[in-house]
Protein backbone atom coordinates (compact mmCIF):
# COMPACT_ATOMS: atom_id res chain seq x y z
CA UNK A 1 -0.05 0.02 0.13
CA UNK A 2 2.76 2.41 1.02
CA UNK A 3 4.47 1.94 -2.61
CA UNK A 4 1.48 2.76 -4.58
CA UNK A 5 0.53 5.55 -2.45
CA UNK A 6 4.47 7.20 -2.86
CA UNK A 7 4.31 5.56 -6.86
CA UNK A 8 0.68 7.80 -7.59
CA UNK A 9 3.02 11.08 -5.13
CA UNK A 10 5.67 10.84 -7.97
CA UNK A 11 3.05 10.62 -10.54
CA UNK A 12 1.41 13.84 -9.60
CA UNK A 13 4.85 15.56 -8.91
CA UNK A 14 5.88 14.62 -12.43
CA UNK A 15 2.37 15.95 -14.16
CA UNK A 16 1.07 19.04 -12.37
CA UNK A 17 4.13 21.41 -14.22
CA UNK A 18 3.53 20.20 -17.54
CA UNK A 19 -0.44 20.38 -16.29
CA UNK A 20 1.23 24.24 -15.29
CA UNK A 21 2.35 24.82 -19.30
CA UNK A 22 -0.27 23.53 -21.28
CA UNK A 23 -2.77 26.35 -21.47
CA UNK A 24 -5.62 26.27 -23.81
CA UNK A 25 -5.76 28.69 -27.07
CA UNK A 26 -8.62 31.02 -27.21
CA UNK A 27 -10.76 29.93 -29.84
CA UNK A 28 -10.42 30.78 -33.52
CA UNK A 29 -13.34 32.23 -35.40
CA UNK A 30 -14.13 29.27 -37.87
CA UNK A 31 -13.03 30.65 -41.57
CA UNK A 32 -16.05 32.12 -43.54
CA UNK A 33 -15.61 29.92 -47.32
CA UNK A 34 -15.33 32.46 -49.87
CA UNK A 35 -18.65 32.91 -51.84
CA UNK A 36 -18.07 32.58 -55.53
CA UNK A 37 -21.05 34.65 -57.52
CA UNK A 38 -21.40 33.15 -61.85
CA UNK A 39 -23.09 33.90 -64.39
CA UNK A 40 -26.68 32.61 -64.24
CA UNK A 41 -26.77 29.23 -66.01
CA UNK A 42 -28.56 29.20 -69.31
CA UNK A 43 -31.55 27.21 -70.09
CA UNK A 44 -29.67 24.45 -72.11
CA UNK A 45 -26.38 23.01 -72.49
CA UNK A 46 -24.72 23.01 -68.44
CA UNK A 47 -24.85 20.15 -66.50
CA UNK A 48 -24.18 19.76 -63.18
CA UNK A 49 -21.34 17.34 -63.62
CA UNK A 50 -20.15 19.33 -66.88
CA UNK A 51 -18.80 16.36 -68.78
CA UNK A 52 -22.13 16.29 -71.53
CA UNK A 53 -21.43 13.71 -73.47
CA UNK A 54 -25.10 12.19 -73.75
CA UNK A 55 -24.37 9.23 -72.70
CA UNK A 56 -27.41 10.01 -69.81
CA UNK A 57 -25.30 10.44 -67.07
CA UNK A 58 -25.67 14.05 -67.22
CA UNK A 59 -28.38 16.00 -65.44
CA UNK A 60 -29.02 19.16 -65.65
CA UNK A 61 -28.06 22.13 -63.66
CA UNK A 62 -30.93 24.28 -65.15
CA UNK A 63 -32.98 25.31 -62.07
CA UNK A 64 -31.92 22.26 -59.73
CA UNK A 65 -34.69 20.71 -61.19
CA UNK A 66 -34.99 16.72 -60.00
CA UNK A 67 -35.49 14.45 -63.07
CA UNK A 68 -38.59 13.26 -63.52
CA UNK A 69 -39.27 9.32 -64.41
CA UNK A 70 -42.71 7.82 -66.44
CA UNK A 71 -42.07 4.55 -65.07
CA UNK A 72 -42.71 1.03 -66.31
CA UNK A 73 -46.28 -0.10 -66.80
CA UNK A 74 -47.66 4.10 -67.23
CA UNK A 75 -48.95 5.33 -70.40
CA UNK A 76 -48.71 9.21 -71.02
CA UNK A 77 -50.28 10.72 -73.81
CA UNK A 78 -49.80 14.15 -74.45
CA UNK A 79 -47.69 17.52 -73.70
CA UNK A 80 -44.50 17.61 -71.65
CA UNK A 81 -42.82 21.39 -71.69
CA UNK A 82 -39.52 21.10 -69.45
CA UNK A 83 -36.37 23.16 -69.24
CA UNK A 84 -35.10 19.60 -66.90
CA UNK A 85 -34.56 15.70 -67.44
CA UNK A 86 -36.82 12.98 -68.12
CA UNK A 87 -36.74 9.33 -68.21
CA UNK A 88 -38.91 7.26 -70.01
CA UNK A 89 -39.56 3.14 -69.24
CA UNK A 90 -42.72 3.20 -69.78
CA UNK A 91 -44.75 4.68 -72.73
CA UNK A 92 -45.24 7.97 -74.02
CA UNK A 93 -47.25 9.45 -77.22
CA UNK A 94 -47.47 13.47 -78.00
CA UNK A 95 -45.42 16.35 -77.60
CA UNK A 96 -42.54 16.81 -75.59
CA UNK A 97 -39.78 19.85 -75.45
CA UNK A 98 -37.51 19.01 -72.68
CA UNK A 99 -33.72 19.90 -72.30
CA UNK A 100 -32.43 16.19 -71.72
CA UNK A 101 -34.93 13.19 -72.01
CA UNK A 102 -33.28 9.45 -71.69
CA UNK A 103 -34.89 6.35 -73.33
CA UNK A 104 -34.98 3.31 -71.15
CA UNK A 105 -35.13 -0.20 -72.47
CA UNK A 106 -38.41 -0.68 -71.88
CA UNK A 107 -39.48 2.57 -72.70
CA UNK A 108 -41.40 3.98 -75.80
CA UNK A 109 -41.58 7.75 -77.36
CA UNK A 110 -44.37 8.10 -80.23
CA UNK A 111 -44.09 11.93 -81.57
CA UNK A 112 -42.27 14.81 -82.15
CA UNK A 113 -39.49 16.02 -80.03
CA UNK A 114 -37.37 18.55 -79.06
CA UNK A 115 -34.41 18.18 -76.85
CA UNK A 116 -30.67 19.23 -76.14
CA UNK A 117 -29.63 15.48 -74.95
CA UNK A 118 -31.08 12.22 -76.02
CA UNK A 119 -29.83 8.79 -74.77
CA UNK A 120 -32.75 6.29 -76.41
CA UNK A 121 -32.43 2.36 -75.26
CA UNK A 122 -35.07 1.73 -75.96
CA UNK A 123 -37.73 2.23 -78.88
CA UNK A 124 -38.37 5.95 -80.00
CA UNK A 125 -40.46 7.45 -84.10
CA UNK A 126 -42.00 10.61 -85.00
CA UNK A 127 -39.52 13.32 -85.90
CA UNK A 128 -36.58 14.77 -83.15
CA UNK A 129 -34.68 18.06 -83.25
CA UNK A 130 -31.61 17.69 -81.06
CA UNK A 131 -27.80 18.74 -80.14
CA UNK A 132 -26.91 15.23 -79.27
CA UNK A 133 -28.62 12.05 -80.05
CA UNK A 134 -27.04 8.40 -79.03
CA UNK A 135 -28.61 5.85 -79.92
CA UNK A 136 -27.74 2.29 -77.90
CA UNK A 137 -27.65 -0.91 -78.67
CA UNK A 138 -30.93 -2.50 -78.11
CA UNK A 139 -32.28 0.61 -79.77
CA UNK A 140 -34.87 1.20 -82.24
CA UNK A 141 -34.92 5.18 -83.68
CA UNK A 142 -37.74 5.48 -87.22
CA UNK A 143 -38.16 8.75 -88.54
CA UNK A 144 -37.24 12.47 -88.89
CA UNK A 145 -33.76 13.30 -87.05
CA UNK A 146 -32.44 16.30 -86.93
CA UNK A 147 -29.03 15.93 -84.56
CA UNK A 148 -25.32 18.31 -83.83
CA UNK A 149 -23.73 15.50 -83.53
CA UNK A 150 -24.57 11.36 -83.12
CA UNK A 151 -23.30 7.76 -81.69
CA UNK A 152 -25.24 4.86 -82.73
CA UNK A 153 -23.70 1.98 -80.85
CA UNK A 154 -23.20 -1.70 -82.50
CA UNK A 155 -26.61 -2.68 -82.55
CA UNK A 156 -28.42 0.24 -82.28
CA UNK A 157 -30.60 0.11 -85.36
CA UNK A 158 -31.89 3.21 -86.92
CA UNK A 159 -34.73 3.37 -89.78
CA UNK A 160 -36.01 7.19 -91.64
CA UNK A 161 -34.39 10.25 -92.45
CA UNK A 162 -30.92 11.71 -90.87
CA UNK A 163 -30.49 15.16 -91.10
CA UNK A 164 -27.15 16.74 -89.58
CA UNK A 165 -27.36 19.90 -88.15
CA UNK A 166 -24.71 22.73 -89.12
């Protein structure tokens, strides 16, 4: 018992000067992050991830709109207008004016379409006016197609009239 008491006293003597030397620093104010102002984004051509390669992975940053989905088993007939992103896994017939459209493998789109980017993995028929068009390996595209750039994967089927914009 005496040995343990003596050891504890020695430890306290050694620790006491060290505790006096260490003084807490005054709290510092957190650094404010630098705010960067940017120009408003254009209605078309701005991507959140910046790649803009038309492969469907690019989501528009325009007005921070969430993507819309027409799921498998749903059928939509009518007109859709948005500066956002639409994924079609069901069936759509009508007139569409959007920033970006992706037709999934189970998706079907029939109508008049105007968009910045379009990625077709399913079926499209009608007229299309777009900047970047990607046609997947299991896609079938039929109609009057106007584009600035096009990518057709091996196995993709294209019927109808293709026009390259200047």
